[in-house]
Amino acid sequence: MYRALLRAQWKSSAPVLFLFTMLAFAMPLGQVLFTQVAASSGSPEDAIMILRLLGESSPVYPIMALYCGGLAASFCWADDQRGKHVYALSLPVPRWYYLLLRMGVGMTYLAAPVAAVWVSALIAVSQVALPQGLHAYPGGIAVRFALASTVVFAAAFSLGTLSRRNWIAVAWVVGAGIALLLLFAMLGLESPIVRMGRWIINWPSFIDTFTGRWLLVDV
């Protein structure tokens, strides 16, 4: 059944998957070539220049991880939503097993852009003459990309399982949270939601993968 779902999802998502895999592959190479980091002579004076240029262009990684994780999750439920979930309900398997199959298929396709980032990073760092004290982390940035995209995938995949009634409940909760934020802002106080959000974003939260340093080359 896993192979059948894999083939069915491939038919509907292959063009977009290929596009984003190519974009993911272009990120490290483009970052090195277009920021002229590859023109480094390896002298100590180039170290600050390399870190500054890579730091300025590094936001492209979490943005791409956000798109890749979200798209991989949306493709998992696209066919079911078009078919009103008739196919899923007709299968003689438990609901939890079908969810695991769908998640496994989505994670399989998510591995393509992750691998593309890793291979591209390896090629990119081979084109740079690094000054003494700087080190390349192609594997590190690929792992960080994988973690960030997986976090987005898990969140979007969970939202895709919600019923209409659950979506209405989520909308009410979000609306109440926004109203609470506005109320505390008008009173000049810090909302507990802001404190909670700060706690969620910072380490050891998984969301910290988006807010940290995304540097292909670092000290």
C-alpha atoms as a PDB file:
ATOM      1  CA  MET A   1       0.000   0.000   0.000  1.00  0.00           C
ATOM      2  CA  TYR A   2       2.940   2.323   0.673  1.00  0.00           C
ATOM      3  CA  ARG A   3       4.140   1.932  -2.905  1.00  0.00           C
ATOM      4  CA  ALA A   4       0.658   2.565  -4.267  1.00  0.00           C
ATOM      5  CA  LEU A   5       0.344   5.800  -2.286  1.00  0.00           C
ATOM      6  CA  LEU A   6       3.873   6.763  -3.320  1.00  0.00           C
ATOM      7  CA  ARG A   7       3.039   6.344  -7.019  1.00  0.00           C
ATOM      8  CA  ALA A   8      -0.319   8.109  -6.696  1.00  0.00           C
ATOM      9  CA  GLN A   9       1.222  11.113  -4.967  1.00  0.00           C
ATOM     10  CA  TRP A  10       4.069  11.213  -7.476  1.00  0.00           C
ATOM     11  CA  LYS A  11       1.598  11.697 -10.333  1.00  0.00           C
ATOM     12  CA  SER A  12       0.061  14.756  -8.709  1.00  0.00           C
ATOM     13  CA  SER A  13       3.144  16.346  -7.132  1.00  0.00           C
ATOM     14  CA  ALA A  14       6.084  15.484  -9.406  1.00  0.00           C
ATOM     15  CA  PRO A  15       6.385  18.877 -11.213  1.00  0.00           C
ATOM     16  CA  VAL A  16       6.250  20.943  -8.013  1.00  0.00           C
ATOM     17  CA  LEU A  17       8.524  18.506  -6.182  1.00  0.00           C
ATOM     18  CA  PHE A  18      11.086  18.695  -8.979  1.00  0.00           C
ATOM     19  CA  LEU A  19      10.921  22.512  -9.005  1.00  0.00           C
ATOM     20  CA  PHE A  20      11.516  22.871  -5.279  1.00  0.00           C
ATOM     21  CA  THR A  21      14.243  20.231  -5.303  1.00  0.00           C
ATOM     22  CA  MET A  22      16.062  22.243  -7.969  1.00  0.00           C
ATOM     23  CA  LEU A  23      15.549  25.445  -5.982  1.00  0.00           C
ATOM     24  CA  ALA A  24      16.914  23.734  -2.866  1.00  0.00           C
ATOM     25  CA  PHE A  25      19.923  22.539  -4.867  1.00  0.00           C
ATOM     26  CA  ALA A  26      20.516  26.070  -6.133  1.00  0.00           C
ATOM     27  CA  MET A  27      20.567  27.661  -2.665  1.00  0.00           C
ATOM     28  CA  PRO A  28      24.092  26.839  -1.405  1.00  0.00           C
ATOM     29  CA  LEU A  29      25.671  27.138  -4.844  1.00  0.00           C
ATOM     30  CA  GLY A  30      23.897  30.408  -5.552  1.00  0.00           C
ATOM     31  CA  GLN A  31      24.772  31.733  -2.125  1.00  0.00           C
ATOM     32  CA  VAL A  32      28.477  31.097  -2.717  1.00  0.00           C
ATOM     33  CA  LEU A  33      28.614  32.212  -6.343  1.00  0.00           C
ATOM     34  CA  PHE A  34      26.331  35.249  -6.356  1.00  0.00           C
ATOM     35  CA  THR A  35      27.711  36.706  -3.115  1.00  0.00           C
ATOM     36  CA  GLN A  36      31.229  36.374  -4.592  1.00  0.00           C
ATOM     37  CA  VAL A  37      32.365  34.268  -1.646  1.00  0.00           C
ATOM     38  CA  ALA A  38      33.981  31.941  -4.177  1.00  0.00           C
ATOM     39  CA  ALA A  39      36.318  34.830  -5.093  1.00  0.00           C
ATOM     40  CA  SER A  40      37.965  34.612  -1.679  1.00  0.00           C
ATOM     41  CA  SER A  41      41.741  34.270  -1.784  1.00  0.00           C
ATOM     42  CA  GLY A  42      41.895  32.537   1.568  1.00  0.00           C
ATOM     43  CA  SER A  43      43.587  35.462   3.290  1.00  0.00           C
ATOM     44  CA  PRO A  44      42.638  36.305   6.910  1.00  0.00           C
ATOM     45  CA  GLU A  45      41.144  39.611   5.727  1.00  0.00           C
ATOM     46  CA  ASP A  46      38.497  37.710   3.781  1.00  0.00           C
ATOM     47  CA  ALA A  47      37.076  36.008   6.885  1.00  0.00           C
ATOM     48  CA  ILE A  48      34.847  38.918   7.924  1.00  0.00           C
ATOM     49  CA  MET A  49      33.705  39.411   4.335  1.00  0.00           C
ATOM     50  CA  ILE A  50      32.719  35.754   3.982  1.00  0.00           C
ATOM     51  CA  LEU A  51      30.768  35.688   7.252  1.00  0.00           C
ATOM     52  CA  ARG A  52      28.982  38.959   6.434  1.00  0.00           C
ATOM     53  CA  LEU A  53      27.958  37.919   2.914  1.00  0.00           C
ATOM     54  CA  LEU A  54      26.793  34.468   3.975  1.00  0.00           C
ATOM     55  CA  GLY A  55      24.936  35.929   6.949  1.00  0.00           C
ATOM     56  CA  GLU A  56      23.041  38.404   4.756  1.00  0.00           C
ATOM     57  CA  SER A  57      21.858  35.695   2.366  1.00  0.00           C
ATOM     58  CA  SER A  58      21.204  32.962   4.956  1.00  0.00           C
ATOM     59  CA  PRO A  59      17.444  33.726   5.457  1.00  0.00           C
ATOM     60  CA  VAL A  60      16.788  31.912   2.175  1.00  0.00           C
ATOM     61  CA  TYR A  61      17.309  28.568   3.984  1.00  0.00           C
ATOM     62  CA  PRO A  62      14.498  28.805   6.586  1.00  0.00           C
ATOM     63  CA  ILE A  63      12.175  30.305   3.966  1.00  0.00           C
ATOM     64  CA  MET A  64      12.794  27.361   1.629  1.00  0.00           C
ATOM     65  CA  ALA A  65      12.420  24.909   4.536  1.00  0.00           C
ATOM     66  CA  LEU A  66       9.052  26.494   5.325  1.00  0.00           C
ATOM     67  CA  TYR A  67       7.829  26.060   1.758  1.00  0.00           C
ATOM     68  CA  CYS A  68       9.204  22.536   1.315  1.00  0.00           C
ATOM     69  CA  GLY A  69       7.730  21.236   4.565  1.00  0.00           C
ATOM     70  CA  GLY A  70       4.370  22.874   3.950  1.00  0.00           C
ATOM     71  CA  LEU A  71       4.084  21.659   0.365  1.00  0.00           C
ATOM     72  CA  ALA A  72       5.108  18.100   1.249  1.00  0.00           C
ATOM     73  CA  ALA A  73       2.366  18.002   3.890  1.00  0.00           C
ATOM     74  CA  SER A  74      -0.267  19.567   1.640  1.00  0.00           C
ATOM     75  CA  PHE A  75       0.401  16.987  -1.076  1.00  0.00           C
ATOM     76  CA  CYS A  76      -0.300  14.212   1.436  1.00  0.00           C
ATOM     77  CA  TRP A  77      -3.942  15.259   1.712  1.00  0.00           C
ATOM     78  CA  ALA A  78      -4.548  16.807  -1.717  1.00  0.00           C
ATOM     79  CA  ASP A  79      -5.890  13.606  -3.297  1.00  0.00           C
ATOM     80  CA  ASP A  80      -8.060  12.759  -0.293  1.00  0.00           C
ATOM     81  CA  GLN A  81      -9.559  16.233  -0.164  1.00  0.00           C
ATOM     82  CA  ARG A  82     -10.381  16.159  -3.868  1.00  0.00           C
ATOM     83  CA  GLY A  83     -12.052  12.778  -3.426  1.00  0.00           C
ATOM     84  CA  LYS A  84     -13.920  13.747  -0.232  1.00  0.00           C
ATOM     85  CA  HIS A  85     -11.833  11.137   1.676  1.00  0.00           C
ATOM     86  CA  VAL A  86     -13.817   8.328   0.011  1.00  0.00           C
ATOM     87  CA  TYR A  87     -10.653   6.402  -0.904  1.00  0.00           C
ATOM     88  CA  ALA A  88      -9.277   6.583   2.637  1.00  0.00           C
ATOM     89  CA  LEU A  89     -12.556   5.465   4.197  1.00  0.00           C
ATOM     90  CA  SER A  90     -12.877   2.531   1.782  1.00  0.00           C
ATOM     91  CA  LEU A  91      -9.503   1.013   2.714  1.00  0.00           C
ATOM     92  CA  PRO A  92      -9.607  -1.987   5.076  1.00  0.00           C
ATOM     93  CA  VAL A  93      -6.916  -0.539   7.373  1.00  0.00           C
ATOM     94  CA  PRO A  94      -7.094   1.315  10.691  1.00  0.00           C
ATOM     95  CA  ARG A  95      -7.122   5.088  10.587  1.00  0.00           C
ATOM     96  CA  TRP A  96      -3.822   5.369  12.496  1.00  0.00           C
ATOM     97  CA  TYR A  97      -2.094   3.057  10.013  1.00  0.00           C
ATOM     98  CA  TYR A  98      -3.317   5.104   7.062  1.00  0.00           C
ATOM     99  CA  LEU A  99      -2.041   8.277   8.750  1.00  0.00           C
ATOM    100  CA  LEU A 100       1.387   6.679   9.184  1.00  0.00           C
ATOM    101  CA  LEU A 101       1.416   5.657   5.524  1.00  0.00           C
ATOM    102  CA  ARG A 102       0.536   9.169   4.403  1.00  0.00           C
ATOM    103  CA  MET A 103       3.175  10.644   6.697  1.00  0.00           C
ATOM    104  CA  GLY A 104       5.792   8.176   5.441  1.00  0.00           C
ATOM    105  CA  VAL A 105       5.059   9.079   1.823  1.00  0.00           C
ATOM    106  CA  GLY A 106       5.307  12.790   2.597  1.00  0.00           C
ATOM    107  CA  MET A 107       8.591  12.354   4.460  1.00  0.00           C
ATOM    108  CA  THR A 108       9.966  10.304   1.569  1.00  0.00           C
ATOM    109  CA  TYR A 109       9.366  13.140  -0.865  1.00  0.00           C
ATOM    110  CA  LEU A 110      10.632  15.697   1.652  1.00  0.00           C
ATOM    111  CA  ALA A 111      13.965  13.854   1.650  1.00  0.00           C
ATOM    112  CA  ALA A 112      14.577  14.978  -1.959  1.00  0.00           C
ATOM    113  CA  PRO A 113      15.119  18.718  -1.258  1.00  0.00           C
ATOM    114  CA  VAL A 114      17.049  17.870   1.913  1.00  0.00           C
ATOM    115  CA  ALA A 115      19.453  15.697  -0.074  1.00  0.00           C
ATOM    116  CA  ALA A 116      19.678  18.427  -2.718  1.00  0.00           C
ATOM    117  CA  VAL A 117      20.750  20.976  -0.096  1.00  0.00           C
ATOM    118  CA  TRP A 118      23.409  18.611   1.258  1.00  0.00           C
ATOM    119  CA  VAL A 119      24.897  17.744  -2.143  1.00  0.00           C
ATOM    120  CA  SER A 120      24.832  21.376  -3.257  1.00  0.00           C
ATOM    121  CA  ALA A 121      26.496  22.492  -0.016  1.00  0.00           C
ATOM    122  CA  LEU A 122      29.292  19.970  -0.526  1.00  0.00           C
ATOM    123  CA  ILE A 123      29.875  21.292  -4.048  1.00  0.00           C
ATOM    124  CA  ALA A 124      29.654  24.912  -2.908  1.00  0.00           C
ATOM    125  CA  VAL A 125      32.232  24.667  -0.121  1.00  0.00           C
ATOM    126  CA  SER A 126      34.651  22.949  -2.475  1.00  0.00           C
ATOM    127  CA  GLN A 127      34.714  26.190  -4.497  1.00  0.00           C
ATOM    128  CA  VAL A 128      35.706  28.411  -1.551  1.00  0.00           C
ATOM    129  CA  ALA A 129      39.211  29.042  -0.253  1.00  0.00           C
ATOM    130  CA  LEU A 130      38.543  29.397   3.466  1.00  0.00           C
ATOM    131  CA  PRO A 131      40.790  31.575   5.614  1.00  0.00           C
ATOM    132  CA  GLN A 132      42.349  30.012   8.673  1.00  0.00           C
ATOM    133  CA  GLY A 133      39.832  29.800  11.510  1.00  0.00           C
ATOM    134  CA  LEU A 134      36.766  29.313   9.317  1.00  0.00           C
ATOM    135  CA  HIS A 135      35.207  25.912   8.717  1.00  0.00           C
ATOM    136  CA  ALA A 136      32.568  24.633   6.315  1.00  0.00           C
ATOM    137  CA  TYR A 137      29.474  22.867   7.648  1.00  0.00           C
ATOM    138  CA  PRO A 138      27.636  21.344   4.668  1.00  0.00           C
ATOM    139  CA  GLY A 139      26.290  18.496   6.759  1.00  0.00           C
ATOM    140  CA  GLY A 140      25.240  20.840   9.547  1.00  0.00           C
ATOM    141  CA  ILE A 141      23.220  23.104   7.310  1.00  0.00           C
ATOM    142  CA  ALA A 142      21.581  20.088   5.650  1.00  0.00           C
ATOM    143  CA  VAL A 143      20.597  18.672   9.056  1.00  0.00           C
ATOM    144  CA  ARG A 144      19.256  22.060  10.124  1.00  0.00           C
ATOM    145  CA  PHE A 145      17.268  22.302   6.890  1.00  0.00           C
ATOM    146  CA  ALA A 146      15.910  18.790   7.468  1.00  0.00           C
ATOM    147  CA  LEU A 147      14.832  19.596  11.041  1.00  0.00           C
ATOM    148  CA  ALA A 148      13.174  22.883  10.077  1.00  0.00           C
ATOM    149  CA  SER A 149      11.287  21.410   7.128  1.00  0.00           C
ATOM    150  CA  THR A 150      10.229  18.418   9.254  1.00  0.00           C
ATOM    151  CA  VAL A 151       8.815  20.719  11.949  1.00  0.00           C
ATOM    152  CA  VAL A 152       6.748  22.544   9.326  1.00  0.00           C
ATOM    153  CA  PHE A 153       5.722  19.243   7.745  1.00  0.00           C
ATOM    154  CA  ALA A 154       4.516  17.836  11.073  1.00  0.00           C
ATOM    155  CA  ALA A 155       2.508  20.970  11.872  1.00  0.00           C
ATOM    156  CA  ALA A 156       0.942  21.222   8.404  1.00  0.00           C
ATOM    157  CA  PHE A 157       0.265  17.467   8.292  1.00  0.00           C
ATOM    158  CA  SER A 158      -1.561  17.654  11.631  1.00  0.00           C
ATOM    159  CA  LEU A 159      -3.671  20.572  10.429  1.00  0.00           C
ATOM    160  CA  GLY A 160      -4.595  18.568   7.344  1.00  0.00           C
ATOM    161  CA  THR A 161      -6.271  15.935   9.534  1.00  0.00           C
ATOM    162  CA  LEU A 162      -8.634  18.423  11.166  1.00  0.00           C
ATOM    163  CA  SER A 163     -12.328  18.320  10.436  1.00  0.00           C
ATOM    164  CA  ARG A 164     -14.415  21.393   9.682  1.00  0.00           C
ATOM    165  CA  ARG A 165     -15.586  21.543  13.289  1.00  0.00           C
ATOM    166  CA  ASN A 166     -11.987  21.446  14.521  1.00  0.00           C
ATOM    167  CA  TRP A 167     -11.029  24.207  12.087  1.00  0.00           C
ATOM    168  CA  ILE A 168     -13.804  26.379  13.515  1.00  0.00           C
ATOM    169  CA  ALA A 169     -12.471  25.734  17.033  1.00  0.00           C
ATOM    170  CA  VAL A 170      -8.946  26.653  15.912  1.00  0.00           C
ATOM    171  CA  ALA A 171     -10.251  29.853  14.333  1.00  0.00           C
ATOM    172  CA  TRP A 172     -11.973  30.814  17.606  1.00  0.00           C
ATOM    173  CA  VAL A 173      -8.810  30.154  19.598  1.00  0.00           C
ATOM    174  CA  VAL A 174      -6.699  32.224  17.194  1.00  0.00           C
ATOM    175  CA  GLY A 175      -9.249  35.031  17.257  1.00  0.00           C
ATOM    176  CA  ALA A 176      -9.316  35.029  21.057  1.00  0.00           C
ATOM    177  CA  GLY A 177      -5.526  35.114  21.143  1.00  0.00           C
ATOM    178  CA  ILE A 178      -5.388  38.115  18.796  1.00  0.00           C
ATOM    179  CA  ALA A 179      -8.013  39.928  20.849  1.00  0.00           C
ATOM    180  CA  LEU A 180      -6.013  39.238  24.016  1.00  0.00           C
ATOM    181  CA  LEU A 181      -2.840  40.568  22.397  1.00  0.00           C
ATOM    182  CA  LEU A 182      -4.620  43.776  21.363  1.00  0.00           C
ATOM    183  CA  LEU A 183      -6.117  44.228  24.832  1.00  0.00           C
ATOM    184  CA  PHE A 184      -2.768  43.894  26.606  1.00  0.00           C
ATOM    185  CA  ALA A 185      -1.137  46.195  24.019  1.00  0.00           C
ATOM    186  CA  MET A 186      -3.720  48.914  24.695  1.00  0.00           C
ATOM    187  CA  LEU A 187      -3.118  48.547  28.445  1.00  0.00           C
ATOM    188  CA  GLY A 188       0.642  48.783  27.907  1.00  0.00           C
ATOM    189  CA  LEU A 189       1.267  45.340  29.394  1.00  0.00           C
ATOM    190  CA  GLU A 190       3.102  42.314  28.086  1.00  0.00           C
ATOM    191  CA  SER A 191       0.666  39.620  27.102  1.00  0.00           C
ATOM    192  CA  PRO A 192       1.203  36.102  28.495  1.00  0.00           C
ATOM    193  CA  ILE A 193       0.851  34.930  24.898  1.00  0.00           C
ATOM    194  CA  VAL A 194       3.981  36.928  24.015  1.00  0.00           C
ATOM    195  CA  ARG A 195       5.885  35.304  26.874  1.00  0.00           C
ATOM    196  CA  MET A 196       4.620  31.905  25.802  1.00  0.00           C
ATOM    197  CA  GLY A 197       5.617  32.601  22.200  1.00  0.00           C
ATOM    198  CA  ARG A 198       9.097  33.644  23.306  1.00  0.00           C
ATOM    199  CA  TRP A 199       9.421  30.421  25.270  1.00  0.00           C
ATOM    200  CA  ILE A 200       8.213  28.349  22.303  1.00  0.00           C
ATOM    201  CA  ILE A 201      10.582  29.975  19.813  1.00  0.00           C
ATOM    202  CA  ASN A 202      13.769  29.816  21.882  1.00  0.00           C
ATOM    203  CA  TRP A 203      15.876  26.734  22.585  1.00  0.00           C
ATOM    204  CA  PRO A 204      15.161  23.914  23.436  1.00  0.00           C
ATOM    205  CA  SER A 205      12.110  24.330  21.210  1.00  0.00           C
ATOM    206  CA  PHE A 206      12.221  22.747  17.758  1.00  0.00           C
ATOM    207  CA  ILE A 207      11.182  26.098  16.299  1.00  0.00           C
ATOM    208  CA  ASP A 208      14.612  27.401  17.339  1.00  0.00           C
ATOM    209  CA  THR A 209      15.891  25.833  14.120  1.00  0.00           C
ATOM    210  CA  PHE A 210      14.338  28.782  12.252  1.00  0.00           C
ATOM    211  CA  THR A 211      15.715  31.532  14.477  1.00  0.00           C
ATOM    212  CA  GLY A 212      19.321  30.361  14.845  1.00  0.00           C
ATOM    213  CA  ARG A 213      22.339  30.837  12.600  1.00  0.00           C
ATOM    214  CA  TRP A 214      22.120  29.335   9.120  1.00  0.00           C
ATOM    215  CA  LEU A 215      25.752  29.657   8.046  1.00  0.00           C
ATOM    216  CA  LEU A 216      27.376  27.340   5.551  1.00  0.00           C
ATOM    217  CA  VAL A 217      30.758  28.638   6.761  1.00  0.00           C
ATOM    218  CA  ASP A 218      31.392  29.645  10.358  1.00  0.00           C
ATOM    219  CA  VAL A 219      34.157  29.779  12.936  1.00  0.00           C
END
